[in-house]
Protein backbone atom coordinates (compact mmCIF):
# COMPACT_ATOMS: atom_id res chain seq x y z
CA UNK A 1 107.15 192.06 80.03
CA UNK A 2 105.32 194.13 77.54
CA UNK A 3 102.26 195.72 78.62
CA UNK A 4 99.36 195.09 76.61
CA UNK A 5 97.89 197.82 74.28
CA UNK A 6 95.02 198.40 72.13
CA UNK A 7 94.87 200.01 68.46
CA UNK A 8 92.23 202.63 67.78
CA UNK A 9 91.72 204.46 64.50
CA UNK A 10 91.76 208.33 65.05
CA UNK A 11 88.49 208.44 63.17
CA UNK A 12 86.73 206.80 65.91
CA UNK A 13 87.46 209.75 68.29
CA UNK A 14 85.46 212.51 66.23
CA UNK A 15 82.51 213.66 68.11
CA UNK A 16 80.46 213.03 64.89
CA UNK A 17 81.39 211.03 61.68
CA UNK A 18 83.75 213.28 59.83
CA UNK A 19 83.94 215.77 62.56
CA UNK A 20 87.12 217.31 64.02
CA UNK A 21 89.55 214.92 65.76
CA UNK A 22 90.83 215.77 69.41
CA UNK A 23 94.52 216.50 70.03
CA UNK A 24 96.94 214.30 71.60
CA UNK A 25 96.62 216.46 74.78
CA UNK A 26 92.98 215.70 74.63
CA UNK A 27 93.28 211.90 74.41
CA UNK A 28 95.85 211.85 77.22
CA UNK A 29 93.57 213.75 79.37
CA UNK A 30 90.36 211.62 78.26
CA UNK A 31 92.36 208.42 79.06
CA UNK A 32 93.98 209.72 82.16
CA UNK A 33 97.46 209.36 80.82
CA UNK A 34 100.64 211.08 81.26
CA UNK A 35 101.38 212.85 77.73
CA UNK A 36 104.86 211.35 77.67
CA UNK A 37 103.59 207.78 77.94
CA UNK A 38 101.12 208.38 75.16
CA UNK A 39 103.83 210.01 72.99
CA UNK A 40 106.08 206.99 73.84
CA UNK A 41 103.54 204.59 72.40
CA UNK A 42 102.54 206.74 69.45
CA UNK A 43 106.06 208.48 68.26
CA UNK A 44 104.72 208.85 64.70
CA UNK A 45 101.62 211.00 65.76
CA UNK A 46 103.72 214.11 66.62
CA UNK A 47 104.74 215.85 63.49
CA UNK A 48 102.60 218.88 64.40
CA UNK A 49 102.66 218.90 68.15
CA UNK A 50 100.46 217.43 71.06
CA UNK A 51 98.08 220.38 70.73
CA UNK A 52 97.27 220.03 66.98
CA UNK A 53 94.26 217.79 66.04
CA UNK A 54 95.20 214.26 65.01
CA UNK A 55 94.91 213.42 61.30
CA UNK A 56 92.29 211.04 60.05
CA UNK A 57 93.04 207.50 59.14
CA UNK A 58 95.99 207.02 61.51
CA UNK A 59 96.05 204.42 64.26
CA UNK A 60 96.70 205.30 67.67
CA UNK A 61 98.14 202.99 70.43
CA UNK A 62 96.77 203.10 73.86
CA UNK A 63 97.54 201.04 76.93
CA UNK A 64 94.89 198.46 77.59
CA UNK A 65 92.52 199.43 80.48
CA UNK A 66 92.30 196.51 83.02
CA UNK A 67 88.91 194.87 83.31
CA UNK A 68 87.04 196.00 86.23
CA UNK A 69 86.64 193.66 89.00
CA UNK A 70 83.11 192.15 89.12
CA UNK A 71 81.01 193.35 91.92
CA UNK A 72 80.92 190.88 94.79
CA UNK A 73 77.48 189.96 96.12
CA UNK A 74 76.81 190.76 99.68
CA UNK A 75 76.72 187.68 101.97
CA UNK A 76 73.32 186.18 102.49
CA UNK A 77 71.26 186.74 105.51
CA UNK A 78 71.29 184.05 108.24
CA UNK A 79 68.10 181.79 107.90
CA UNK A 80 65.37 182.88 110.42
CA UNK A 81 66.04 181.19 113.69
CA UNK A 82 69.74 180.17 113.06
CA UNK A 83 72.15 180.82 116.07
CA UNK A 84 74.37 183.77 115.92
CA UNK A 85 77.80 183.30 114.05
CA UNK A 86 80.58 182.70 116.44
CA UNK A 87 83.33 185.30 116.79
CA UNK A 88 86.97 185.20 116.85
CA UNK A 89 87.27 182.57 114.22
CA UNK A 90 91.04 181.20 113.69
CA UNK A 91 92.39 178.67 111.29
CA UNK A 92 95.67 177.47 111.79
CA UNK A 93 97.23 175.30 109.15
CA UNK A 94 100.47 173.31 108.94
CA UNK A 95 101.68 170.42 106.77
CA UNK A 96 100.10 167.74 108.97
CA UNK A 97 96.89 169.41 110.45
CA UNK A 98 94.30 172.05 110.48
CA UNK A 99 93.18 173.60 113.87
CA UNK A 100 89.84 175.71 114.03
CA UNK A 101 89.20 177.74 116.95
CA UNK A 102 86.55 180.36 117.87
CA UNK A 103 84.76 182.06 120.73
CA UNK A 104 81.43 180.56 121.47
CA UNK A 105 78.17 182.47 121.48
CA UNK A 106 76.06 182.44 124.98
CA UNK A 107 73.39 179.67 124.92
CA UNK A 108 75.04 177.70 121.86
CA UNK A 109 76.14 174.37 123.03
CA UNK A 110 77.55 172.75 119.94
CA UNK A 111 78.64 173.80 116.48
CA UNK A 112 78.73 171.38 113.19
CA UNK A 113 81.97 171.81 111.15
CA UNK A 114 81.95 170.80 107.47
CA UNK A 115 85.16 169.72 105.83
CA UNK A 116 86.06 169.83 102.06
CA UNK A 117 88.99 167.44 101.61
CA UNK A 118 90.56 169.77 98.94
CA UNK A 119 90.84 172.49 101.58
CA UNK A 120 91.81 170.58 104.59
CA UNK A 121 93.86 167.46 103.83
């Protein structure tokens, strides 16, 4: 499987338009990549060495950074007056049945279970 990559014009790496370009070493450090990996992706960018500034008008190949996982919302607070949540919840599934068990909470005499057919069929 080929790892996805992105193409970046070296001119986009200048601190200011028309300004000096970073070296391949600086790009590797900025992208947190080992220099050998960056060199393998860009064999044509090494005529003068990894410490020399990149040339304008070239295209740099970089590994695609995986998208960050979305922040998960915290669980909502129970509605005021709701009974405590049971502990020790265990779900046992097999091809023919699903069994749900838990440790009850003192003072609670019944629980209501809701079933979605797509999960417990």
